[in-house]
Amino acid sequence: MRDVRIAAVCMHSETSDVDLNLAKTKAFADEAAEMAVDIVCFPELSLSGYSLNDSETSSGDFSFDLAVERVVQIARKRRLLIIAGIAEPCQGRKPFITQIIASPSGLLGSYRKTHLSPKEKEKYSAGDSIQVFSFENVNFGISLCYEAHFPEIHTVMALKGAEVIFIPHASPRGSPMEKRQSWLRHLPSRAFDNGTFVAACNQVGKTREGYNFPGVVMIFDPLGRLLGSYRGNQEKMVVADLREKDLVSARRHSMSYFMPHRRPRLYRDLCKG
């Protein structure tokens, strides 16, 4: 890993206005570029908006390919990596909740949400691959909202080489303070247990469909210490510098980094079910 400056964004997204969501994405990317940010992460479904309505999650309301190309153009122009959320149509199946990864050289890849909440299962398809991506000597993984509650996902990413895990959310429950307290119960553990940086962000504001998202951003170092945060009801971008020396220091400490001492043979029961 190298030193990297990241940004995590609280953004208000509407299902009925992908063009406006793209314009906001561009504005935040412009701001991030001015601050010499390398990677900017947007919330889950930031481009298409969060919905559990069949008509809104269908592919008819926007052009998926065009939206992706627009994000790639922004990433190329501003010379940064953009991680943005979108409903990905799938012919003959329900759409995926997808986070696209756009780099200055083109579309780097995408991550499809593998663990859906009970209500999401009615409207979306689940992905079936846990991936790790690489951008300019930074290895990172992505988990989405509900997935933050499954420790195994993040351990698999760490075992595959992830140094940073981005956790975009579209979580409408609670006030900003309540959401922050909720995240403080489990997100530091995702960082500390796996020796990775963790950056999480949520959508923000009330949508026309009636969802009310508390604005929260939290960024943790590999020891689970808070590097940057925000809570409130406005759109906001939080920037943090992730230092290679902090990752190396955490992973060299035998009583702070436990991954090398795992005994996978004893964990076989995790695969039953």
C-alpha atoms as a PDB file:
ATOM      1  CA  MET A   1       0.000   0.000   0.000  1.00  0.00           C
ATOM      2  CA  ARG A   2       1.012   3.607  -0.545  1.00  0.00           C
ATOM      3  CA  ASP A   3      -0.192   6.728   1.230  1.00  0.00           C
ATOM      4  CA  VAL A   4      -3.593   7.595  -0.198  1.00  0.00           C
ATOM      5  CA  ARG A   5      -6.058  10.423   0.318  1.00  0.00           C
ATOM      6  CA  ILE A   6      -9.677   9.296   0.255  1.00  0.00           C
ATOM      7  CA  ALA A   7     -13.038  11.036   0.481  1.00  0.00           C
ATOM      8  CA  ALA A   8     -16.353   9.583   1.654  1.00  0.00           C
ATOM      9  CA  VAL A   9     -19.541  11.407   0.691  1.00  0.00           C
ATOM     10  CA  CYS A  10     -22.976  11.834   2.235  1.00  0.00           C
ATOM     11  CA  MET A  11     -25.183  12.546  -0.784  1.00  0.00           C
ATOM     12  CA  HIS A  12     -28.912  13.008  -1.275  1.00  0.00           C
ATOM     13  CA  SER A  13     -30.177  10.873  -4.169  1.00  0.00           C
ATOM     14  CA  GLU A  14     -33.598  10.688  -5.816  1.00  0.00           C
ATOM     15  CA  THR A  15     -34.812   7.707  -7.824  1.00  0.00           C
ATOM     16  CA  SER A  16     -36.602  10.018 -10.235  1.00  0.00           C
ATOM     17  CA  ASP A  17     -33.588  12.146 -11.160  1.00  0.00           C
ATOM     18  CA  VAL A  18     -30.465  10.268 -12.210  1.00  0.00           C
ATOM     19  CA  ASP A  19     -29.244  13.323 -14.144  1.00  0.00           C
ATOM     20  CA  LEU A  20     -29.268  15.393 -10.950  1.00  0.00           C
ATOM     21  CA  ASN A  21     -27.513  12.598  -9.055  1.00  0.00           C
ATOM     22  CA  LEU A  22     -24.832  12.524 -11.759  1.00  0.00           C
ATOM     23  CA  ALA A  23     -24.448  16.299 -11.531  1.00  0.00           C
ATOM     24  CA  LYS A  24     -23.912  16.018  -7.771  1.00  0.00           C
ATOM     25  CA  THR A  25     -21.399  13.237  -8.342  1.00  0.00           C
ATOM     26  CA  LYS A  26     -19.473  15.504 -10.689  1.00  0.00           C
ATOM     27  CA  ALA A  27     -19.586  18.427  -8.221  1.00  0.00           C
ATOM     28  CA  PHE A  28     -18.211  16.305  -5.384  1.00  0.00           C
ATOM     29  CA  ALA A  29     -15.565  14.834  -7.701  1.00  0.00           C
ATOM     30  CA  ASP A  30     -14.524  18.352  -8.696  1.00  0.00           C
ATOM     31  CA  GLU A  31     -14.198  19.289  -5.032  1.00  0.00           C
ATOM     32  CA  ALA A  32     -12.266  16.113  -4.289  1.00  0.00           C
ATOM     33  CA  ALA A  33      -9.861  16.752  -7.170  1.00  0.00           C
ATOM     34  CA  GLU A  34      -9.155  20.248  -5.855  1.00  0.00           C
ATOM     35  CA  MET A  35      -8.201  18.645  -2.522  1.00  0.00           C
ATOM     36  CA  ALA A  36      -5.849  16.145  -4.207  1.00  0.00           C
ATOM     37  CA  VAL A  37      -8.061  13.183  -3.316  1.00  0.00           C
ATOM     38  CA  ASP A  38      -7.158   9.873  -4.948  1.00  0.00           C
ATOM     39  CA  ILE A  39     -10.343   7.872  -4.260  1.00  0.00           C
ATOM     40  CA  VAL A  40     -13.847   9.190  -3.616  1.00  0.00           C
ATOM     41  CA  CYS A  41     -16.598   6.874  -2.367  1.00  0.00           C
ATOM     42  CA  PHE A  42     -20.308   7.634  -2.756  1.00  0.00           C
ATOM     43  CA  PRO A  43     -23.217   5.948  -0.941  1.00  0.00           C
ATOM     44  CA  GLU A  44     -25.039   2.799  -1.975  1.00  0.00           C
ATOM     45  CA  LEU A  45     -27.352   3.460  -4.966  1.00  0.00           C
ATOM     46  CA  SER A  46     -26.145   7.059  -5.115  1.00  0.00           C
ATOM     47  CA  LEU A  47     -26.724   7.334  -8.865  1.00  0.00           C
ATOM     48  CA  SER A  48     -30.091   5.612  -9.208  1.00  0.00           C
ATOM     49  CA  GLY A  49     -31.497   6.324  -5.747  1.00  0.00           C
ATOM     50  CA  TYR A  50     -32.694   3.804  -3.162  1.00  0.00           C
ATOM     51  CA  SER A  51     -36.080   2.223  -3.745  1.00  0.00           C
ATOM     52  CA  LEU A  52     -38.038  -0.900  -2.893  1.00  0.00           C
ATOM     53  CA  ASN A  53     -40.610  -0.028  -5.536  1.00  0.00           C
ATOM     54  CA  ASP A  54     -40.709  -2.340  -8.568  1.00  0.00           C
ATOM     55  CA  SER A  55     -41.138   0.476 -11.067  1.00  0.00           C
ATOM     56  CA  GLU A  56     -38.218   2.422  -9.643  1.00  0.00           C
ATOM     57  CA  THR A  57     -35.803  -0.514  -9.471  1.00  0.00           C
ATOM     58  CA  SER A  58     -36.491  -1.506 -13.065  1.00  0.00           C
ATOM     59  CA  SER A  59     -34.078  -0.533 -15.829  1.00  0.00           C
ATOM     60  CA  GLY A  60     -36.637   1.627 -17.614  1.00  0.00           C
ATOM     61  CA  ASP A  61     -36.050   4.787 -15.609  1.00  0.00           C
ATOM     62  CA  PHE A  62     -32.487   5.431 -16.728  1.00  0.00           C
ATOM     63  CA  SER A  63     -29.785   4.152 -19.033  1.00  0.00           C
ATOM     64  CA  PHE A  64     -27.397   2.070 -16.974  1.00  0.00           C
ATOM     65  CA  ASP A  65     -24.669   2.108 -19.616  1.00  0.00           C
ATOM     66  CA  LEU A  66     -24.933   5.862 -20.101  1.00  0.00           C
ATOM     67  CA  ALA A  67     -24.792   6.540 -16.362  1.00  0.00           C
ATOM     68  CA  VAL A  68     -21.683   4.362 -16.019  1.00  0.00           C
ATOM     69  CA  GLU A  69     -20.032   6.087 -18.965  1.00  0.00           C
ATOM     70  CA  ARG A  70     -20.766   9.496 -17.434  1.00  0.00           C
ATOM     71  CA  VAL A  71     -19.044   8.451 -14.199  1.00  0.00           C
ATOM     72  CA  VAL A  72     -16.065   7.105 -16.134  1.00  0.00           C
ATOM     73  CA  GLN A  73     -15.801  10.438 -17.938  1.00  0.00           C
ATOM     74  CA  ILE A  74     -15.794  12.289 -14.618  1.00  0.00           C
ATOM     75  CA  ALA A  75     -13.102   9.985 -13.223  1.00  0.00           C
ATOM     76  CA  ARG A  76     -11.003  10.385 -16.355  1.00  0.00           C
ATOM     77  CA  LYS A  77     -11.282  14.175 -16.374  1.00  0.00           C
ATOM     78  CA  ARG A  78     -10.507  14.581 -12.677  1.00  0.00           C
ATOM     79  CA  ARG A  79      -7.847  11.844 -12.552  1.00  0.00           C
ATOM     80  CA  LEU A  80      -9.302  10.032  -9.561  1.00  0.00           C
ATOM     81  CA  LEU A  81     -11.089   6.811  -8.694  1.00  0.00           C
ATOM     82  CA  ILE A  82     -14.846   7.025  -8.161  1.00  0.00           C
ATOM     83  CA  ILE A  83     -16.865   4.365  -6.313  1.00  0.00           C
ATOM     84  CA  ALA A  84     -20.560   5.024  -6.957  1.00  0.00           C
ATOM     85  CA  GLY A  85     -23.788   3.077  -6.427  1.00  0.00           C
ATOM     86  CA  ILE A  86     -26.374   2.130  -9.026  1.00  0.00           C
ATOM     87  CA  ALA A  87     -29.176  -0.372  -9.667  1.00  0.00           C
ATOM     88  CA  GLU A  88     -27.808  -2.682 -12.348  1.00  0.00           C
ATOM     89  CA  PRO A  89     -30.452  -4.196 -14.634  1.00  0.00           C
ATOM     90  CA  CYS A  90     -30.255  -7.883 -15.421  1.00  0.00           C
ATOM     91  CA  GLN A  91     -32.334  -9.364 -18.235  1.00  0.00           C
ATOM     92  CA  GLY A  92     -34.747 -11.947 -16.955  1.00  0.00           C
ATOM     93  CA  ARG A  93     -33.858 -11.280 -13.327  1.00  0.00           C
ATOM     94  CA  LYS A  94     -34.314  -8.638 -10.689  1.00  0.00           C
ATOM     95  CA  PRO A  95     -31.644  -5.889 -10.747  1.00  0.00           C
ATOM     96  CA  PHE A  96     -28.473  -5.975  -8.684  1.00  0.00           C
ATOM     97  CA  ILE A  97     -27.440  -3.391  -6.106  1.00  0.00           C
ATOM     98  CA  THR A  98     -24.075  -2.542  -7.605  1.00  0.00           C
ATOM     99  CA  GLN A  99     -21.140  -0.298  -6.786  1.00  0.00           C
ATOM    100  CA  ILE A 100     -19.223   0.653  -9.920  1.00  0.00           C
ATOM    101  CA  ILE A 101     -15.528   1.537  -9.803  1.00  0.00           C
ATOM    102  CA  ALA A 102     -14.491   4.117 -12.374  1.00  0.00           C
ATOM    103  CA  SER A 103     -10.810   4.973 -12.827  1.00  0.00           C
ATOM    104  CA  PRO A 104      -9.010   7.549 -15.001  1.00  0.00           C
ATOM    105  CA  SER A 105      -8.286   4.762 -17.475  1.00  0.00           C
ATOM    106  CA  GLY A 106     -11.843   3.393 -17.633  1.00  0.00           C
ATOM    107  CA  LEU A 107     -14.203   1.127 -15.728  1.00  0.00           C
ATOM    108  CA  LEU A 108     -12.059  -0.815 -13.265  1.00  0.00           C
ATOM    109  CA  GLY A 109     -14.828  -3.157 -12.168  1.00  0.00           C
ATOM    110  CA  SER A 110     -18.007  -3.459 -10.133  1.00  0.00           C
ATOM    111  CA  TYR A 111     -19.251  -5.115  -6.968  1.00  0.00           C
ATOM    112  CA  ARG A 112     -22.720  -6.629  -6.647  1.00  0.00           C
ATOM    113  CA  LYS A 113     -24.205  -6.738  -3.160  1.00  0.00           C
ATOM    114  CA  THR A 114     -24.075 -10.335  -1.964  1.00  0.00           C
ATOM    115  CA  HIS A 115     -26.133 -10.135   1.240  1.00  0.00           C
ATOM    116  CA  LEU A 116     -29.532  -8.457   0.862  1.00  0.00           C
ATOM    117  CA  SER A 117     -31.822  -7.347   3.648  1.00  0.00           C
ATOM    118  CA  PRO A 118     -35.145  -9.228   3.866  1.00  0.00           C
ATOM    119  CA  LYS A 119     -37.049  -6.475   2.054  1.00  0.00           C
ATOM    120  CA  GLU A 120     -34.335  -6.064  -0.576  1.00  0.00           C
ATOM    121  CA  LYS A 121     -34.562  -9.760  -1.450  1.00  0.00           C
ATOM    122  CA  GLU A 122     -38.061  -9.113  -2.805  1.00  0.00           C
ATOM    123  CA  LYS A 123     -36.817  -6.510  -5.301  1.00  0.00           C
ATOM    124  CA  TYR A 124     -33.168  -7.266  -6.055  1.00  0.00           C
ATOM    125  CA  SER A 125     -30.890 -10.147  -7.013  1.00  0.00           C
ATOM    126  CA  ALA A 126     -27.865 -11.008  -4.887  1.00  0.00           C
ATOM    127  CA  GLY A 127     -24.331 -11.106  -6.225  1.00  0.00           C
ATOM    128  CA  ASP A 128     -22.189 -14.163  -5.591  1.00  0.00           C
ATOM    129  CA  SER A 129     -18.598 -12.920  -5.531  1.00  0.00           C
ATOM    130  CA  ILE A 130     -16.466 -11.219  -2.880  1.00  0.00           C
ATOM    131  CA  GLN A 131     -13.795  -9.256  -4.701  1.00  0.00           C
ATOM    132  CA  VAL A 132     -10.726  -7.162  -4.050  1.00  0.00           C
ATOM    133  CA  PHE A 133      -9.672  -4.419  -6.449  1.00  0.00           C
ATOM    134  CA  SER A 134      -6.387  -2.604  -6.971  1.00  0.00           C
ATOM    135  CA  PHE A 135      -5.770   1.013  -7.917  1.00  0.00           C
ATOM    136  CA  GLU A 136      -2.278   2.510  -8.020  1.00  0.00           C
ATOM    137  CA  ASN A 137      -0.872   0.180  -5.347  1.00  0.00           C
ATOM    138  CA  VAL A 138      -3.914   0.388  -3.087  1.00  0.00           C
ATOM    139  CA  ASN A 139      -5.897  -2.837  -2.605  1.00  0.00           C
ATOM    140  CA  PHE A 140      -9.489  -2.376  -1.516  1.00  0.00           C
ATOM    141  CA  GLY A 141     -12.759  -4.178  -1.060  1.00  0.00           C
ATOM    142  CA  ILE A 142     -16.374  -3.021  -0.962  1.00  0.00           C
ATOM    143  CA  SER A 143     -19.270  -4.171   1.190  1.00  0.00           C
ATOM    144  CA  LEU A 144     -22.679  -2.568   1.066  1.00  0.00           C
ATOM    145  CA  CYS A 145     -24.780  -1.427   4.038  1.00  0.00           C
ATOM    146  CA  TYR A 146     -26.491  -4.601   5.387  1.00  0.00           C
ATOM    147  CA  GLU A 147     -23.302  -6.521   4.579  1.00  0.00           C
ATOM    148  CA  ALA A 148     -21.415  -4.610   7.268  1.00  0.00           C
ATOM    149  CA  HIS A 149     -23.052  -6.946   9.795  1.00  0.00           C
ATOM    150  CA  PHE A 150     -21.371 -10.050   8.353  1.00  0.00           C
ATOM    151  CA  PRO A 151     -17.778 -10.221   9.657  1.00  0.00           C
ATOM    152  CA  GLU A 152     -16.860 -13.062   7.318  1.00  0.00           C
ATOM    153  CA  ILE A 153     -17.192 -10.868   4.220  1.00  0.00           C
ATOM    154  CA  HIS A 154     -14.544  -8.480   5.466  1.00  0.00           C
ATOM    155  CA  THR A 155     -12.226 -11.250   6.644  1.00  0.00           C
ATOM    156  CA  VAL A 156     -12.349 -12.796   3.161  1.00  0.00           C
ATOM    157  CA  MET A 157     -11.451  -9.423   1.660  1.00  0.00           C
ATOM    158  CA  ALA A 158      -8.533  -9.031   4.054  1.00  0.00           C
ATOM    159  CA  LEU A 159      -7.306 -12.540   3.262  1.00  0.00           C
ATOM    160  CA  LYS A 160      -7.453 -11.603  -0.428  1.00  0.00           C
ATOM    161  CA  GLY A 161      -5.213  -8.613   0.238  1.00  0.00           C
ATOM    162  CA  ALA A 162      -7.554  -5.723   0.995  1.00  0.00           C
ATOM    163  CA  GLU A 163      -5.924  -2.815   2.821  1.00  0.00           C
ATOM    164  CA  VAL A 164      -8.982  -0.552   2.707  1.00  0.00           C
ATOM    165  CA  ILE A 165     -12.641  -1.557   2.871  1.00  0.00           C
ATOM    166  CA  PHE A 166     -15.275   0.896   1.676  1.00  0.00           C
ATOM    167  CA  ILE A 167     -18.767   0.421   3.120  1.00  0.00           C
ATOM    168  CA  PRO A 168     -21.322   2.619   1.307  1.00  0.00           C
ATOM    169  CA  HIS A 169     -24.787   2.682   2.893  1.00  0.00           C
ATOM    170  CA  ALA A 170     -28.369   3.552   2.044  1.00  0.00           C
ATOM    171  CA  SER A 171     -29.726   3.097   5.557  1.00  0.00           C
ATOM    172  CA  PRO A 172     -32.801   5.211   6.410  1.00  0.00           C
ATOM    173  CA  ARG A 173     -33.331   4.324  10.045  1.00  0.00           C
ATOM    174  CA  GLY A 174     -32.646   6.620  13.005  1.00  0.00           C
ATOM    175  CA  SER A 175     -31.184  10.056  13.580  1.00  0.00           C
ATOM    176  CA  PRO A 176     -27.593  10.949  12.640  1.00  0.00           C
ATOM    177  CA  MET A 177     -26.554  10.399  16.268  1.00  0.00           C
ATOM    178  CA  GLU A 178     -28.347   7.046  16.470  1.00  0.00           C
ATOM    179  CA  LYS A 179     -26.773   5.913  13.211  1.00  0.00           C
ATOM    180  CA  ARG A 180     -23.347   6.987  14.419  1.00  0.00           C
ATOM    181  CA  GLN A 181     -23.811   5.017  17.643  1.00  0.00           C
ATOM    182  CA  SER A 182     -24.923   1.990  15.642  1.00  0.00           C
ATOM    183  CA  TRP A 183     -21.872   2.153  13.411  1.00  0.00           C
ATOM    184  CA  LEU A 184     -19.584   2.527  16.415  1.00  0.00           C
ATOM    185  CA  ARG A 185     -20.762  -0.885  17.607  1.00  0.00           C
ATOM    186  CA  HIS A 186     -19.443  -2.821  14.624  1.00  0.00           C
ATOM    187  CA  LEU A 187     -17.416  -0.797  12.108  1.00  0.00           C
ATOM    188  CA  PRO A 188     -14.326  -0.358  14.342  1.00  0.00           C
ATOM    189  CA  SER A 189     -14.302  -4.148  14.702  1.00  0.00           C
ATOM    190  CA  ARG A 190     -14.304  -4.606  10.925  1.00  0.00           C
ATOM    191  CA  ALA A 191     -11.174  -2.454  10.837  1.00  0.00           C
ATOM    192  CA  PHE A 192      -9.374  -3.848  13.895  1.00  0.00           C
ATOM    193  CA  ASP A 193     -10.146  -7.534  13.407  1.00  0.00           C
ATOM    194  CA  ASN A 194      -8.870  -7.489   9.834  1.00  0.00           C
ATOM    195  CA  GLY A 195      -6.111  -4.887  10.054  1.00  0.00           C
ATOM    196  CA  THR A 196      -7.663  -2.665   7.391  1.00  0.00           C
ATOM    197  CA  PHE A 197      -8.769   0.913   7.013  1.00  0.00           C
ATOM    198  CA  VAL A 198     -12.573   1.229   6.839  1.00  0.00           C
ATOM    199  CA  ALA A 199     -14.520   4.091   5.260  1.00  0.00           C
ATOM    200  CA  ALA A 200     -18.326   4.198   5.521  1.00  0.00           C
ATOM    201  CA  CYS A 201     -20.841   6.749   4.263  1.00  0.00           C
ATOM    202  CA  ASN A 202     -24.626   6.999   4.059  1.00  0.00           C
ATOM    203  CA  GLN A 203     -27.164   8.720   1.856  1.00  0.00           C
ATOM    204  CA  VAL A 204     -28.682  11.793   3.493  1.00  0.00           C
ATOM    205  CA  GLY A 205     -32.038  13.571   3.587  1.00  0.00           C
ATOM    206  CA  LYS A 206     -35.675  12.744   2.929  1.00  0.00           C
ATOM    207  CA  THR A 207     -36.585  11.415  -0.514  1.00  0.00           C
ATOM    208  CA  ARG A 208     -39.859  11.825  -2.385  1.00  0.00           C
ATOM    209  CA  GLU A 209     -40.599   8.146  -1.657  1.00  0.00           C
ATOM    210  CA  GLY A 210     -40.492   8.915   2.065  1.00  0.00           C
ATOM    211  CA  TYR A 211     -37.117   7.458   3.052  1.00  0.00           C
ATOM    212  CA  ASN A 212     -35.244   9.659   5.514  1.00  0.00           C
ATOM    213  CA  PHE A 213     -31.507   9.013   5.576  1.00  0.00           C
ATOM    214  CA  PRO A 214     -29.356  10.242   8.483  1.00  0.00           C
ATOM    215  CA  GLY A 215     -26.114  11.685   7.193  1.00  0.00           C
ATOM    216  CA  VAL A 216     -23.097   9.859   8.626  1.00  0.00           C
ATOM    217  CA  VAL A 217     -19.495   9.369   7.506  1.00  0.00           C
ATOM    218  CA  MET A 218     -16.919   7.433   9.537  1.00  0.00           C
ATOM    219  CA  ILE A 219     -13.349   6.533   8.589  1.00  0.00           C
ATOM    220  CA  PHE A 220     -11.248   4.216  10.778  1.00  0.00           C
ATOM    221  CA  ASP A 221      -7.595   3.211  10.830  1.00  0.00           C
ATOM    222  CA  PRO A 222      -6.478  -0.464  11.138  1.00  0.00           C
ATOM    223  CA  LEU A 223      -6.614  -0.229  14.930  1.00  0.00           C
ATOM    224  CA  GLY A 224     -10.241   0.853  14.829  1.00  0.00           C
ATOM    225  CA  ARG A 225      -9.456   4.464  15.682  1.00  0.00           C
ATOM    226  CA  LEU A 226     -11.550   7.215  14.123  1.00  0.00           C
ATOM    227  CA  LEU A 227      -9.710   9.270  11.490  1.00  0.00           C
ATOM    228  CA  GLY A 228     -12.601  11.420  10.301  1.00  0.00           C
ATOM    229  CA  SER A 229     -16.347  11.641  10.722  1.00  0.00           C
ATOM    230  CA  TYR A 230     -19.523  13.605  10.095  1.00  0.00           C
ATOM    231  CA  ARG A 231     -23.079  13.376  11.335  1.00  0.00           C
ATOM    232  CA  GLY A 232     -25.915  15.646  10.278  1.00  0.00           C
ATOM    233  CA  ASN A 233     -28.700  16.241   7.815  1.00  0.00           C
ATOM    234  CA  GLN A 234     -26.787  17.931   5.008  1.00  0.00           C
ATOM    235  CA  GLU A 235     -24.686  16.669   2.123  1.00  0.00           C
ATOM    236  CA  LYS A 236     -21.055  16.459   3.170  1.00  0.00           C
ATOM    237  CA  MET A 237     -17.697  15.099   2.037  1.00  0.00           C
ATOM    238  CA  VAL A 238     -15.094  13.945   4.569  1.00  0.00           C
ATOM    239  CA  VAL A 239     -11.447  13.625   3.522  1.00  0.00           C
ATOM    240  CA  ALA A 240      -8.825  11.513   5.293  1.00  0.00           C
ATOM    241  CA  ASP A 241      -5.224  10.541   4.646  1.00  0.00           C
ATOM    242  CA  LEU A 242      -4.566   6.821   4.958  1.00  0.00           C
ATOM    243  CA  ARG A 243      -0.877   6.278   5.779  1.00  0.00           C
ATOM    244  CA  GLU A 244       1.070   3.222   4.776  1.00  0.00           C
ATOM    245  CA  LYS A 245       3.090   3.423   7.991  1.00  0.00           C
ATOM    246  CA  ASP A 246      -0.085   3.077  10.074  1.00  0.00           C
ATOM    247  CA  LEU A 247      -1.077  -0.080   8.221  1.00  0.00           C
ATOM    248  CA  VAL A 248       2.437  -1.535   8.524  1.00  0.00           C
ATOM    249  CA  SER A 249       2.666  -0.657  12.211  1.00  0.00           C
ATOM    250  CA  ALA A 250      -0.687  -2.267  13.009  1.00  0.00           C
ATOM    251  CA  ARG A 251       0.114  -5.438  11.092  1.00  0.00           C
ATOM    252  CA  ARG A 252       3.579  -5.853  12.629  1.00  0.00           C
ATOM    253  CA  HIS A 253       2.197  -5.835  16.168  1.00  0.00           C
ATOM    254  CA  SER A 254       1.496  -9.426  17.241  1.00  0.00           C
ATOM    255  CA  MET A 255      -1.135  -8.304  19.750  1.00  0.00           C
ATOM    256  CA  SER A 256      -2.889  -5.936  17.365  1.00  0.00           C
ATOM    257  CA  TYR A 257      -2.976  -8.044  14.207  1.00  0.00           C
ATOM    258  CA  PHE A 258      -4.267 -11.564  14.622  1.00  0.00           C
ATOM    259  CA  MET A 259      -4.917 -12.675  11.052  1.00  0.00           C
ATOM    260  CA  PRO A 260      -1.619 -14.594  10.660  1.00  0.00           C
ATOM    261  CA  HIS A 261      -2.512 -16.741  13.667  1.00  0.00           C
ATOM    262  CA  ARG A 262      -5.865 -17.995  12.398  1.00  0.00           C
ATOM    263  CA  ARG A 263      -6.565 -21.767  12.373  1.00  0.00           C
ATOM    264  CA  PRO A 264      -8.992 -22.170   9.454  1.00  0.00           C
ATOM    265  CA  ARG A 265      -9.318 -25.929  10.000  1.00  0.00           C
ATOM    266  CA  LEU A 266     -11.240 -25.196  13.191  1.00  0.00           C
ATOM    267  CA  TYR A 267     -13.715 -22.921  11.429  1.00  0.00           C
ATOM    268  CA  ARG A 268     -15.263 -25.496   9.104  1.00  0.00           C
ATOM    269  CA  ASP A 269     -18.626 -25.177  10.792  1.00  0.00           C
ATOM    270  CA  LEU A 270     -18.858 -21.660   9.332  1.00  0.00           C
ATOM    271  CA  CYS A 271     -19.312 -23.269   5.922  1.00  0.00           C
ATOM    272  CA  LYS A 272     -22.221 -25.426   7.030  1.00  0.00           C
ATOM    273  CA  GLY A 273     -25.734 -24.255   6.409  1.00  0.00           C
END
